[in-house]
Amino acid sequence: MPLVIPDETLRAAGMKEGEAKVEIACRWFDEGRLAIGHAACLAGMSKAEFERELERRDIPRYRYTEEMLDHDVDVLKKLGRW
């Protein structure tokens, strides 16, 4: 289903259609709603271009959560390396 943003809304936001797509893609990626590939597609960019845009906006490409750390520590303990 296409997302239609009225021209009037874009003008009020001071954005062009492409800018709005990038803004939405970055926001949704940052919130964890979209994977990087889907976000890049929404933004109309290659994955590499989108990664550069994330870097420009100081949005981390990867998030290492506390749960991931706990899992990694458990694995290291099982391997006898902790």
PDB file of N, CA and C in Angstrom:
ATOM      1  N   MET A   1       0.847  -1.162   0.000  1.00  0.00           N
ATOM      2  CA  MET A   1       0.000   0.000   0.000  1.00  0.00           C
ATOM      3  C   MET A   1       0.900   1.235   0.000  1.00  0.00           C
ATOM      4  N   PRO A   2       0.731   2.109  -0.962  1.00  0.00           N
ATOM      5  CA  PRO A   2       1.570   3.308  -1.007  1.00  0.00           C
ATOM      6  C   PRO A   2       1.176   4.304   0.079  1.00  0.00           C
ATOM      7  N   LEU A   3       2.182   4.981   0.575  1.00  0.00           N
ATOM      8  CA  LEU A   3       1.968   6.036   1.565  1.00  0.00           C
ATOM      9  C   LEU A   3       1.953   7.357   0.819  1.00  0.00           C
ATOM     10  N   VAL A   4       0.872   8.085   0.925  1.00  0.00           N
ATOM     11  CA  VAL A   4       0.744   9.359   0.225  1.00  0.00           C
ATOM     12  C   VAL A   4       0.818  10.484   1.250  1.00  0.00           C
ATOM     13  N   ILE A   5       1.781  11.367   1.037  1.00  0.00           N
ATOM     14  CA  ILE A   5       1.908  12.549   1.889  1.00  0.00           C
ATOM     15  C   ILE A   5       1.503  13.741   1.031  1.00  0.00           C
ATOM     16  N   PRO A   6       0.438  14.422   1.394  1.00  0.00           N
ATOM     17  CA  PRO A   6      -0.022  15.542   0.578  1.00  0.00           C
ATOM     18  C   PRO A   6       1.066  16.610   0.417  1.00  0.00           C
ATOM     19  N   ASP A   7       1.098  17.225  -0.769  1.00  0.00           N
ATOM     20  CA  ASP A   7       2.073  18.282  -1.039  1.00  0.00           C
ATOM     21  C   ASP A   7       1.996  19.386   0.010  1.00  0.00           C
ATOM     22  N   GLU A   8       0.797  19.693   0.435  1.00  0.00           N
ATOM     23  CA  GLU A   8       0.589  20.737   1.447  1.00  0.00           C
ATOM     24  C   GLU A   8       1.316  20.385   2.754  1.00  0.00           C
ATOM     25  N   THR A   9       1.271  19.128   3.129  1.00  0.00           N
ATOM     26  CA  THR A   9       1.950  18.670   4.347  1.00  0.00           C
ATOM     27  C   THR A   9       3.457  18.745   4.173  1.00  0.00           C
ATOM     28  N   LEU A  10       3.948  18.336   3.006  1.00  0.00           N
ATOM     29  CA  LEU A  10       5.382  18.424   2.739  1.00  0.00           C
ATOM     30  C   LEU A  10       5.852  19.876   2.769  1.00  0.00           C
ATOM     31  N   ARG A  11       5.081  20.771   2.173  1.00  0.00           N
ATOM     32  CA  ARG A  11       5.444  22.196   2.197  1.00  0.00           C
ATOM     33  C   ARG A  11       5.476  22.716   3.629  1.00  0.00           C
ATOM     34  N   ALA A  12       4.483  22.327   4.429  1.00  0.00           N
ATOM     35  CA  ALA A  12       4.429  22.779   5.827  1.00  0.00           C
ATOM     36  C   ALA A  12       5.643  22.289   6.604  1.00  0.00           C
ATOM     37  N   ALA A  13       6.128  21.098   6.254  1.00  0.00           N
ATOM     38  CA  ALA A  13       7.301  20.532   6.920  1.00  0.00           C
ATOM     39  C   ALA A  13       8.600  21.049   6.306  1.00  0.00           C
ATOM     40  N   GLY A  14       8.487  21.757   5.186  1.00  0.00           N
ATOM     41  CA  GLY A  14       9.673  22.266   4.512  1.00  0.00           C
ATOM     42  C   GLY A  14      10.501  21.169   3.878  1.00  0.00           C
ATOM     43  N   MET A  15       9.815  20.129   3.397  1.00  0.00           N
ATOM     44  CA  MET A  15      10.519  18.977   2.822  1.00  0.00           C
ATOM     45  C   MET A  15       9.995  18.648   1.442  1.00  0.00           C
ATOM     46  N   LYS A  16      10.882  18.014   0.676  1.00  0.00           N
ATOM     47  CA  LYS A  16      10.478  17.421  -0.592  1.00  0.00           C
ATOM     48  C   LYS A  16      10.175  15.952  -0.313  1.00  0.00           C
ATOM     49  N   GLU A  17       9.536  15.291  -1.269  1.00  0.00           N
ATOM     50  CA  GLU A  17       9.124  13.898  -1.069  1.00  0.00           C
ATOM     51  C   GLU A  17      10.307  12.997  -0.702  1.00  0.00           C
ATOM     52  N   GLY A  18      11.409  13.122  -1.418  1.00  0.00           N
ATOM     53  CA  GLY A  18      12.584  12.289  -1.150  1.00  0.00           C
ATOM     54  C   GLY A  18      13.143  12.507   0.242  1.00  0.00           C
ATOM     55  N   GLU A  19      13.159  13.763   0.678  1.00  0.00           N
ATOM     56  CA  GLU A  19      13.653  14.073   2.025  1.00  0.00           C
ATOM     57  C   GLU A  19      12.765  13.445   3.088  1.00  0.00           C
ATOM     58  N   ALA A  20      11.453  13.484   2.853  1.00  0.00           N
ATOM     59  CA  ALA A  20      10.511  12.895   3.811  1.00  0.00           C
ATOM     60  C   ALA A  20      10.707  11.384   3.901  1.00  0.00           C
ATOM     61  N   LYS A  21      10.947  10.743   2.763  1.00  0.00           N
ATOM     62  CA  LYS A  21      11.174   9.294   2.765  1.00  0.00           C
ATOM     63  C   LYS A  21      12.424   8.944   3.566  1.00  0.00           C
ATOM     64  N   VAL A  22      13.477   9.735   3.382  1.00  0.00           N
ATOM     65  CA  VAL A  22      14.717   9.491   4.123  1.00  0.00           C
ATOM     66  C   VAL A  22      14.482   9.710   5.615  1.00  0.00           C
ATOM     67  N   GLU A  23      13.771  10.774   5.950  1.00  0.00           N
ATOM     68  CA  GLU A  23      13.481  11.079   7.356  1.00  0.00           C
ATOM     69  C   GLU A  23      12.699   9.946   8.015  1.00  0.00           C
ATOM     70  N   ILE A  24      11.661   9.479   7.340  1.00  0.00           N
ATOM     71  CA  ILE A  24      10.832   8.396   7.881  1.00  0.00           C
ATOM     72  C   ILE A  24      11.652   7.113   8.000  1.00  0.00           C
ATOM     73  N   ALA A  25      12.424   6.802   6.965  1.00  0.00           N
ATOM     74  CA  ALA A  25      13.237   5.578   6.983  1.00  0.00           C
ATOM     75  C   ALA A  25      14.239   5.606   8.132  1.00  0.00           C
ATOM     76  N   CYS A  26      14.893   6.748   8.328  1.00  0.00           N
ATOM     77  CA  CYS A  26      15.871   6.864   9.420  1.00  0.00           C
ATOM     78  C   CYS A  26      15.195   6.733  10.777  1.00  0.00           C
ATOM     79  N   ARG A  27      14.059   7.371  10.927  1.00  0.00           N
ATOM     80  CA  ARG A  27      13.339   7.315  12.200  1.00  0.00           C
ATOM     81  C   ARG A  27      12.902   5.893  12.502  1.00  0.00           C
ATOM     82  N   TRP A  28      12.306   5.233  11.520  1.00  0.00           N
ATOM     83  CA  TRP A  28      11.816   3.869  11.736  1.00  0.00           C
ATOM     84  C   TRP A  28      12.959   2.901  11.975  1.00  0.00           C
ATOM     85  N   PHE A  29      14.092   3.108  11.297  1.00  0.00           N
ATOM     86  CA  PHE A  29      15.257   2.265  11.554  1.00  0.00           C
ATOM     87  C   PHE A  29      15.757   2.497  12.974  1.00  0.00           C
ATOM     88  N   ASP A  30      15.863   3.755  13.375  1.00  0.00           N
ATOM     89  CA  ASP A  30      16.364   4.096  14.707  1.00  0.00           C
ATOM     90  C   ASP A  30      15.470   3.527  15.804  1.00  0.00           C
ATOM     91  N   GLU A  31      14.184   3.461  15.545  1.00  0.00           N
ATOM     92  CA  GLU A  31      13.235   2.909  16.520  1.00  0.00           C
ATOM     93  C   GLU A  31      13.175   1.383  16.478  1.00  0.00           C
ATOM     94  N   GLY A  32      13.909   0.778  15.546  1.00  0.00           N
ATOM     95  CA  GLY A  32      13.901  -0.675  15.436  1.00  0.00           C
ATOM     96  C   GLY A  32      12.698  -1.228  14.699  1.00  0.00           C
ATOM     97  N   ARG A  33      11.982  -0.375  14.002  1.00  0.00           N
ATOM     98  CA  ARG A  33      10.789  -0.812  13.268  1.00  0.00           C
ATOM     99  C   ARG A  33      11.125  -1.416  11.913  1.00  0.00           C
ATOM    100  N   LEU A  34      12.259  -1.002  11.328  1.00  0.00           N
ATOM    101  CA  LEU A  34      12.684  -1.517  10.031  1.00  0.00           C
ATOM    102  C   LEU A  34      14.123  -1.982  10.096  1.00  0.00           C
ATOM    103  N   ALA A  35      14.399  -3.077   9.414  1.00  0.00           N
ATOM    104  CA  ALA A  35      15.782  -3.519   9.233  1.00  0.00           C
ATOM    105  C   ALA A  35      16.448  -2.571   8.244  1.00  0.00           C
ATOM    106  N   ILE A  36      17.762  -2.577   8.231  1.00  0.00           N
ATOM    107  CA  ILE A  36      18.491  -1.616   7.409  1.00  0.00           C
ATOM    108  C   ILE A  36      18.163  -1.736   5.918  1.00  0.00           C
ATOM    109  N   GLY A  37      17.986  -2.953   5.425  1.00  0.00           N
ATOM    110  CA  GLY A  37      17.666  -3.132   4.012  1.00  0.00           C
ATOM    111  C   GLY A  37      16.320  -2.542   3.634  1.00  0.00           C
ATOM    112  N   HIS A  38      15.318  -2.772   4.471  1.00  0.00           N
ATOM    113  CA  HIS A  38      13.989  -2.215   4.206  1.00  0.00           C
ATOM    114  C   HIS A  38      14.005  -0.697   4.333  1.00  0.00           C
ATOM    115  N   ALA A  39      14.731  -0.190   5.312  1.00  0.00           N
ATOM    116  CA  ALA A  39      14.812   1.259   5.498  1.00  0.00           C
ATOM    117  C   ALA A  39      15.502   1.915   4.305  1.00  0.00           C
ATOM    118  N   ALA A  40      16.573   1.299   3.819  1.00  0.00           N
ATOM    119  CA  ALA A  40      17.279   1.835   2.651  1.00  0.00           C
ATOM    120  C   ALA A  40      16.352   1.866   1.442  1.00  0.00           C
ATOM    121  N   CYS A  41      15.582   0.808   1.265  1.00  0.00           N
ATOM    122  CA  CYS A  41      14.638   0.731   0.151  1.00  0.00           C
ATOM    123  C   CYS A  41      13.594   1.844   0.259  1.00  0.00           C
ATOM    124  N   LEU A  42      13.038   2.039   1.441  1.00  0.00           N
ATOM    125  CA  LEU A  42      12.060   3.100   1.656  1.00  0.00           C
ATOM    126  C   LEU A  42      12.663   4.462   1.334  1.00  0.00           C
ATOM    127  N   ALA A  43      13.910   4.658   1.718  1.00  0.00           N
ATOM    128  CA  ALA A  43      14.587   5.934   1.480  1.00  0.00           C
ATOM    129  C   ALA A  43      14.992   6.111   0.020  1.00  0.00           C
ATOM    130  N   GLY A  44      14.898   5.031  -0.777  1.00  0.00           N
ATOM    131  CA  GLY A  44      15.305   5.108  -2.171  1.00  0.00           C
ATOM    132  C   GLY A  44      16.815   5.143  -2.330  1.00  0.00           C
ATOM    133  N   MET A  45      17.510   4.484  -1.407  1.00  0.00           N
ATOM    134  CA  MET A  45      18.971   4.489  -1.398  1.00  0.00           C
ATOM    135  C   MET A  45      19.498   3.063  -1.411  1.00  0.00           C
ATOM    136  N   SER A  46      20.763   2.944  -1.795  1.00  0.00           N
ATOM    137  CA  SER A  46      21.436   1.661  -1.616  1.00  0.00           C
ATOM    138  C   SER A  46      21.716   1.503  -0.121  1.00  0.00           C
ATOM    139  N   LYS A  47      22.043   0.292   0.282  1.00  0.00           N
ATOM    140  CA  LYS A  47      22.357   0.059   1.695  1.00  0.00           C
ATOM    141  C   LYS A  47      23.556   0.906   2.121  1.00  0.00           C
ATOM    142  N   ALA A  48      24.566   0.996   1.266  1.00  0.00           N
ATOM    143  CA  ALA A  48      25.760   1.787   1.591  1.00  0.00           C
ATOM    144  C   ALA A  48      25.419   3.268   1.732  1.00  0.00           C
ATOM    145  N   GLU A  49      24.580   3.786   0.840  1.00  0.00           N
ATOM    146  CA  GLU A  49      24.167   5.195   0.935  1.00  0.00           C
ATOM    147  C   GLU A  49      23.389   5.436   2.224  1.00  0.00           C
ATOM    148  N   PHE A  50      22.503   4.491   2.551  1.00  0.00           N
ATOM    149  CA  PHE A  50      21.701   4.650   3.760  1.00  0.00           C
ATOM    150  C   PHE A  50      22.580   4.588   5.007  1.00  0.00           C
ATOM    151  N   GLU A  51      23.572   3.707   5.002  1.00  0.00           N
ATOM    152  CA  GLU A  51      24.498   3.635   6.137  1.00  0.00           C
ATOM    153  C   GLU A  51      25.243   4.959   6.312  1.00  0.00           C
ATOM    154  N   ARG A  52      25.632   5.592   5.201  1.00  0.00           N
ATOM    155  CA  ARG A  52      26.289   6.906   5.294  1.00  0.00           C
ATOM    156  C   ARG A  52      25.336   7.954   5.862  1.00  0.00           C
ATOM    157  N   GLU A  53      24.062   7.872   5.469  1.00  0.00           N
ATOM    158  CA  GLU A  53      23.064   8.809   5.998  1.00  0.00           C
ATOM    159  C   GLU A  53      22.880   8.607   7.499  1.00  0.00           C
ATOM    160  N   LEU A  54      22.853   7.356   7.940  1.00  0.00           N
ATOM    161  CA  LEU A  54      22.756   7.080   9.375  1.00  0.00           C
ATOM    162  C   LEU A  54      23.956   7.660  10.111  1.00  0.00           C
ATOM    163  N   GLU A  55      25.135   7.483   9.534  1.00  0.00           N
ATOM    164  CA  GLU A  55      26.350   8.008  10.153  1.00  0.00           C
ATOM    165  C   GLU A  55      26.280   9.531  10.247  1.00  0.00           C
ATOM    166  N   ARG A  56      25.810  10.172   9.186  1.00  0.00           N
ATOM    167  CA  ARG A  56      25.678  11.632   9.170  1.00  0.00           C
ATOM    168  C   ARG A  56      24.739  12.115  10.282  1.00  0.00           C
ATOM    169  N   ARG A  57      23.732  11.313  10.585  1.00  0.00           N
ATOM    170  CA  ARG A  57      22.750  11.670  11.608  1.00  0.00           C
ATOM    171  C   ARG A  57      23.112  11.130  12.998  1.00  0.00           C
ATOM    172  N   ASP A  58      24.276  10.517  13.112  1.00  0.00           N
ATOM    173  CA  ASP A  58      24.714   9.910  14.382  1.00  0.00           C
ATOM    174  C   ASP A  58      23.742   8.848  14.883  1.00  0.00           C
ATOM    175  N   ILE A  59      23.174   8.095  13.969  1.00  0.00           N
ATOM    176  CA  ILE A  59      22.296   6.976  14.313  1.00  0.00           C
ATOM    177  C   ILE A  59      23.122   5.703  14.184  1.00  0.00           C
ATOM    178  N   PRO A  60      23.281   4.952  15.269  1.00  0.00           N
ATOM    179  CA  PRO A  60      24.098   3.731  15.188  1.00  0.00           C
ATOM    180  C   PRO A  60      23.479   2.695  14.256  1.00  0.00           C
ATOM    181  N   ARG A  61      24.335   2.055  13.469  1.00  0.00           N
ATOM    182  CA  ARG A  61      23.863   1.014  12.550  1.00  0.00           C
ATOM    183  C   ARG A  61      23.554  -0.270  13.299  1.00  0.00           C
ATOM    184  N   TYR A  62      24.259  -0.503  14.373  1.00  0.00           N
ATOM    185  CA  TYR A  62      24.084  -1.731  15.150  1.00  0.00           C
ATOM    186  C   TYR A  62      23.890  -1.361  16.609  1.00  0.00           C
ATOM    187  N   ARG A  63      23.024  -2.096  17.271  1.00  0.00           N
ATOM    188  CA  ARG A  63      22.774  -1.858  18.694  1.00  0.00           C
ATOM    189  C   ARG A  63      23.088  -3.147  19.450  1.00  0.00           C
ATOM    190  N   TYR A  64      23.997  -3.031  20.365  1.00  0.00           N
ATOM    191  CA  TYR A  64      24.382  -4.166  21.198  1.00  0.00           C
ATOM    192  C   TYR A  64      23.613  -4.029  22.498  1.00  0.00           C
ATOM    193  N   THR A  65      22.572  -4.832  22.662  1.00  0.00           N
ATOM    194  CA  THR A  65      21.688  -4.712  23.816  1.00  0.00           C
ATOM    195  C   THR A  65      22.245  -5.463  25.023  1.00  0.00           C
ATOM    196  N   GLU A  66      21.674  -5.182  26.170  1.00  0.00           N
ATOM    197  CA  GLU A  66      22.064  -5.875  27.395  1.00  0.00           C
ATOM    198  C   GLU A  66      21.779  -7.375  27.275  1.00  0.00           C
ATOM    199  N   GLU A  67      20.674  -7.709  26.608  1.00  0.00           N
ATOM    200  CA  GLU A  67      20.337  -9.119  26.407  1.00  0.00           C
ATOM    201  C   GLU A  67      21.396  -9.816  25.551  1.00  0.00           C
ATOM    202  N   MET A  68      21.889  -9.119  24.540  1.00  0.00           N
ATOM    203  CA  MET A  68      22.942  -9.691  23.696  1.00  0.00           C
ATOM    204  C   MET A  68      24.210  -9.911  24.512  1.00  0.00           C
ATOM    205  N   LEU A  69      24.531  -8.961  25.364  1.00  0.00           N
ATOM    206  CA  LEU A  69      25.707  -9.091  26.222  1.00  0.00           C
ATOM    207  C   LEU A  69      25.552 -10.293  27.146  1.00  0.00           C
ATOM    208  N   ASP A  70      24.388 -10.412  27.780  1.00  0.00           N
ATOM    209  CA  ASP A  70      24.136 -11.548  28.669  1.00  0.00           C
ATOM    210  C   ASP A  70      24.305 -12.871  27.925  1.00  0.00           C
ATOM    211  N   HIS A  71      23.775 -12.939  26.726  1.00  0.00           N
ATOM    212  CA  HIS A  71      23.899 -14.155  25.918  1.00  0.00           C
ATOM    213  C   HIS A  71      25.366 -14.451  25.624  1.00  0.00           C
ATOM    214  N   ASP A  72      26.103 -13.425  25.224  1.00  0.00           N
ATOM    215  CA  ASP A  72      27.517 -13.627  24.898  1.00  0.00           C
ATOM    216  C   ASP A  72      28.319 -14.069  26.120  1.00  0.00           C
ATOM    217  N   VAL A  73      28.015 -13.499  27.275  1.00  0.00           N
ATOM    218  CA  VAL A  73      28.700 -13.900  28.509  1.00  0.00           C
ATOM    219  C   VAL A  73      28.387 -15.357  28.822  1.00  0.00           C
ATOM    220  N   ASP A  74      27.119 -15.752  28.673  1.00  0.00           N
ATOM    221  CA  ASP A  74      26.741 -17.154  28.907  1.00  0.00           C
ATOM    222  C   ASP A  74      27.508 -18.094  27.983  1.00  0.00           C
ATOM    223  N   VAL A  75      27.617 -17.729  26.724  1.00  0.00           N
ATOM    224  CA  VAL A  75      28.351 -18.560  25.761  1.00  0.00           C
ATOM    225  C   VAL A  75      29.815 -18.659  26.163  1.00  0.00           C
ATOM    226  N   LEU A  76      30.416 -17.536  26.531  1.00  0.00           N
ATOM    227  CA  LEU A  76      31.823 -17.550  26.945  1.00  0.00           C
ATOM    228  C   LEU A  76      32.030 -18.405  28.188  1.00  0.00           C
ATOM    229  N   LYS A  77      31.081 -18.343  29.117  1.00  0.00           N
ATOM    230  CA  LYS A  77      31.186 -19.168  30.325  1.00  0.00           C
ATOM    231  C   LYS A  77      31.112 -20.649  29.967  1.00  0.00           C
ATOM    232  N   LYS A  78      30.199 -21.003  29.068  1.00  0.00           N
ATOM    233  CA  LYS A  78      30.067 -22.402  28.650  1.00  0.00           C
ATOM    234  C   LYS A  78      31.320 -22.895  27.942  1.00  0.00           C
ATOM    235  N   LEU A  79      31.998 -21.997  27.258  1.00  0.00           N
ATOM    236  CA  LEU A  79      33.228 -22.357  26.556  1.00  0.00           C
ATOM    237  C   LEU A  79      34.447 -22.308  27.474  1.00  0.00           C
ATOM    238  N   GLY A  80      34.227 -21.879  28.722  1.00  0.00           N
ATOM    239  CA  GLY A  80      35.320 -21.790  29.683  1.00  0.00           C
ATOM    240  C   GLY A  80      36.263 -20.631  29.419  1.00  0.00           C
ATOM    241  N   ARG A  81      35.762 -19.619  28.775  1.00  0.00           N
ATOM    242  CA  ARG A  81      36.604 -18.462  28.445  1.00  0.00           C
ATOM    243  C   ARG A  81      36.231 -17.223  29.242  1.00  0.00           C
ATOM    244  N   TRP A  82      35.451 -17.399  30.279  1.00  0.00           N
ATOM    245  CA  TRP A  82      35.047 -16.257  31.109  1.00  0.00           C
ATOM    246  C   TRP A  82      35.449 -16.495  32.526  1.00  0.00           C
TER     247      TRP A  82
END
